């Protein structure tokens, strides 16, 4: 990645994290660490709602931030720290050039 793109990536990461905080209000916590978005939820939520939660996240990001110039890393873990899953939020289809 071009070092000049880092501020743009940091801004995109912060924007997506703010969106997820508002979307997931009482369901968990959202923070950014080293350019990753980390969502912590209860183990029950992780075990029983992970698929629905991912759909909610992807739908909200596509709706509110449709133009993304970089791929983002999304980590969803249980609050106890036993389970962790990493996913990608891909950059916009129009920005797929290498």
C-alpha atoms as a PDB file:
ATOM      1  CA  UNK A   1       0.000   0.000   0.000  1.00  0.00           C
ATOM      2  CA  UNK A   2       1.188   3.453  -0.850  1.00  0.00           C
ATOM      3  CA  UNK A   3       2.127   5.405   2.331  1.00  0.00           C
ATOM      4  CA  UNK A   4       0.138   8.343   0.969  1.00  0.00           C
ATOM      5  CA  UNK A   5      -3.020   6.193   1.205  1.00  0.00           C
ATOM      6  CA  UNK A   6      -2.633   5.635   4.973  1.00  0.00           C
ATOM      7  CA  UNK A   7      -4.489   8.794   6.105  1.00  0.00           C
ATOM      8  CA  UNK A   8      -7.342   7.919   3.736  1.00  0.00           C
ATOM      9  CA  UNK A   9      -7.451   4.355   5.130  1.00  0.00           C
ATOM     10  CA  UNK A  10      -7.425   5.667   8.715  1.00  0.00           C
ATOM     11  CA  UNK A  11     -10.322   7.999   7.904  1.00  0.00           C
ATOM     12  CA  UNK A  12     -12.307   5.193   6.245  1.00  0.00           C
ATOM     13  CA  UNK A  13     -11.636   2.874   9.196  1.00  0.00           C
ATOM     14  CA  UNK A  14     -12.797   5.555  11.656  1.00  0.00           C
ATOM     15  CA  UNK A  15     -15.946   6.261   9.590  1.00  0.00           C
ATOM     16  CA  UNK A  16     -16.896   2.576   9.427  1.00  0.00           C
ATOM     17  CA  UNK A  17     -16.196   2.129  13.162  1.00  0.00           C
ATOM     18  CA  UNK A  18     -18.484   5.085  13.996  1.00  0.00           C
ATOM     19  CA  UNK A  19     -21.199   3.618  11.784  1.00  0.00           C
ATOM     20  CA  UNK A  20     -20.918   0.220  13.445  1.00  0.00           C
ATOM     21  CA  UNK A  21     -21.045   1.785  16.916  1.00  0.00           C
ATOM     22  CA  UNK A  22     -24.371   3.373  16.034  1.00  0.00           C
ATOM     23  CA  UNK A  23     -25.697   0.230  14.285  1.00  0.00           C
ATOM     24  CA  UNK A  24     -24.721  -2.174  17.081  1.00  0.00           C
ATOM     25  CA  UNK A  25     -25.560   0.240  19.913  1.00  0.00           C
ATOM     26  CA  UNK A  26     -26.276  -2.202  22.726  1.00  0.00           C
ATOM     27  CA  UNK A  27     -25.127  -5.441  21.100  1.00  0.00           C
ATOM     28  CA  UNK A  28     -21.399  -4.979  21.649  1.00  0.00           C
ATOM     29  CA  UNK A  29     -18.411  -2.681  21.592  1.00  0.00           C
ATOM     30  CA  UNK A  30     -16.557  -1.379  18.566  1.00  0.00           C
ATOM     31  CA  UNK A  31     -13.003  -0.052  18.512  1.00  0.00           C
ATOM     32  CA  UNK A  32     -10.152   0.365  16.073  1.00  0.00           C
ATOM     33  CA  UNK A  33      -6.691  -1.038  16.694  1.00  0.00           C
ATOM     34  CA  UNK A  34      -3.810  -0.895  14.213  1.00  0.00           C
ATOM     35  CA  UNK A  35      -6.126  -0.244  11.276  1.00  0.00           C
ATOM     36  CA  UNK A  36      -8.542  -3.050  12.170  1.00  0.00           C
ATOM     37  CA  UNK A  37     -12.121  -2.683  13.290  1.00  0.00           C
ATOM     38  CA  UNK A  38     -12.745  -4.889  16.320  1.00  0.00           C
ATOM     39  CA  UNK A  39     -16.276  -5.775  17.393  1.00  0.00           C
ATOM     40  CA  UNK A  40     -16.699  -7.518  20.754  1.00  0.00           C
ATOM     41  CA  UNK A  41     -20.004  -9.230  21.480  1.00  0.00           C
ATOM     42  CA  UNK A  42     -21.222 -11.811  23.973  1.00  0.00           C
ATOM     43  CA  UNK A  43     -20.404 -15.443  23.311  1.00  0.00           C
ATOM     44  CA  UNK A  44     -24.126 -16.180  22.929  1.00  0.00           C
ATOM     45  CA  UNK A  45     -24.416 -13.495  20.203  1.00  0.00           C
ATOM     46  CA  UNK A  46     -21.307 -14.838  18.490  1.00  0.00           C
ATOM     47  CA  UNK A  47     -22.516 -18.438  18.524  1.00  0.00           C
ATOM     48  CA  UNK A  48     -26.125 -17.746  17.540  1.00  0.00           C
ATOM     49  CA  UNK A  49     -26.163 -14.542  15.496  1.00  0.00           C
ATOM     50  CA  UNK A  50     -22.814 -14.240  13.706  1.00  0.00           C
ATOM     51  CA  UNK A  51     -24.311 -14.682  10.233  1.00  0.00           C
ATOM     52  CA  UNK A  52     -27.099 -12.169  10.855  1.00  0.00           C
ATOM     53  CA  UNK A  53     -24.652  -9.742  12.440  1.00  0.00           C
ATOM     54  CA  UNK A  54     -22.341  -9.919   9.417  1.00  0.00           C
ATOM     55  CA  UNK A  55     -25.261  -9.282   7.063  1.00  0.00           C
ATOM     56  CA  UNK A  56     -26.292  -6.287   9.178  1.00  0.00           C
ATOM     57  CA  UNK A  57     -22.740  -4.902   9.127  1.00  0.00           C
ATOM     58  CA  UNK A  58     -22.220  -5.374   5.379  1.00  0.00           C
ATOM     59  CA  UNK A  59     -25.647  -3.918   4.563  1.00  0.00           C
ATOM     60  CA  UNK A  60     -25.057  -0.845   6.759  1.00  0.00           C
ATOM     61  CA  UNK A  61     -21.588  -0.225   5.317  1.00  0.00           C
ATOM     62  CA  UNK A  62     -22.837  -0.614   1.719  1.00  0.00           C
ATOM     63  CA  UNK A  63     -25.753   1.720   2.395  1.00  0.00           C
ATOM     64  CA  UNK A  64     -23.917   4.466   4.293  1.00  0.00           C
ATOM     65  CA  UNK A  65     -20.401   4.245   2.839  1.00  0.00           C
ATOM     66  CA  UNK A  66     -20.892   2.899  -0.697  1.00  0.00           C
ATOM     67  CA  UNK A  67     -17.585   4.240  -2.035  1.00  0.00           C
ATOM     68  CA  UNK A  68     -14.593   2.652  -0.313  1.00  0.00           C
ATOM     69  CA  UNK A  69     -11.103   2.957  -1.765  1.00  0.00           C
ATOM     70  CA  UNK A  70      -9.488   0.295   0.432  1.00  0.00           C
ATOM     71  CA  UNK A  71     -10.241  -3.097   1.921  1.00  0.00           C
ATOM     72  CA  UNK A  72     -10.846  -3.101   5.672  1.00  0.00           C
ATOM     73  CA  UNK A  73     -10.234  -5.814   8.233  1.00  0.00           C
ATOM     74  CA  UNK A  74     -13.141  -6.605  10.544  1.00  0.00           C
ATOM     75  CA  UNK A  75     -12.525  -8.741  13.627  1.00  0.00           C
ATOM     76  CA  UNK A  76     -15.512 -10.101  15.551  1.00  0.00           C
ATOM     77  CA  UNK A  77     -14.701 -11.702  18.885  1.00  0.00           C
ATOM     78  CA  UNK A  78     -16.546 -12.776  21.976  1.00  0.00           C
ATOM     79  CA  UNK A  79     -16.237 -10.535  25.030  1.00  0.00           C
ATOM     80  CA  UNK A  80     -14.434 -13.280  26.941  1.00  0.00           C
ATOM     81  CA  UNK A  81     -11.694 -13.416  24.292  1.00  0.00           C
ATOM     82  CA  UNK A  82     -12.024 -17.119  23.514  1.00  0.00           C
ATOM     83  CA  UNK A  83     -13.311 -16.923  19.919  1.00  0.00           C
ATOM     84  CA  UNK A  84     -12.241 -14.578  17.145  1.00  0.00           C
ATOM     85  CA  UNK A  85     -13.208 -14.371  13.479  1.00  0.00           C
ATOM     86  CA  UNK A  86     -11.673 -12.073  10.879  1.00  0.00           C
ATOM     87  CA  UNK A  87     -13.558 -10.827   7.825  1.00  0.00           C
ATOM     88  CA  UNK A  88     -12.975  -8.334   5.035  1.00  0.00           C
ATOM     89  CA  UNK A  89     -15.026  -5.340   4.084  1.00  0.00           C
ATOM     90  CA  UNK A  90     -13.976  -5.026   0.457  1.00  0.00           C
ATOM     91  CA  UNK A  91     -13.382  -1.756  -1.336  1.00  0.00           C
ATOM     92  CA  UNK A  92     -16.042  -0.658  -3.790  1.00  0.00           C
ATOM     93  CA  UNK A  93     -16.445  -2.658  -6.984  1.00  0.00           C
ATOM     94  CA  UNK A  94     -15.520   0.372  -9.082  1.00  0.00           C
ATOM     95  CA  UNK A  95     -12.224   0.673  -7.166  1.00  0.00           C
ATOM     96  CA  UNK A  96     -10.974  -2.880  -7.799  1.00  0.00           C
ATOM     97  CA  UNK A  97      -8.091  -1.748 -10.020  1.00  0.00           C
ATOM     98  CA  UNK A  98      -4.667  -2.803  -8.778  1.00  0.00           C
END
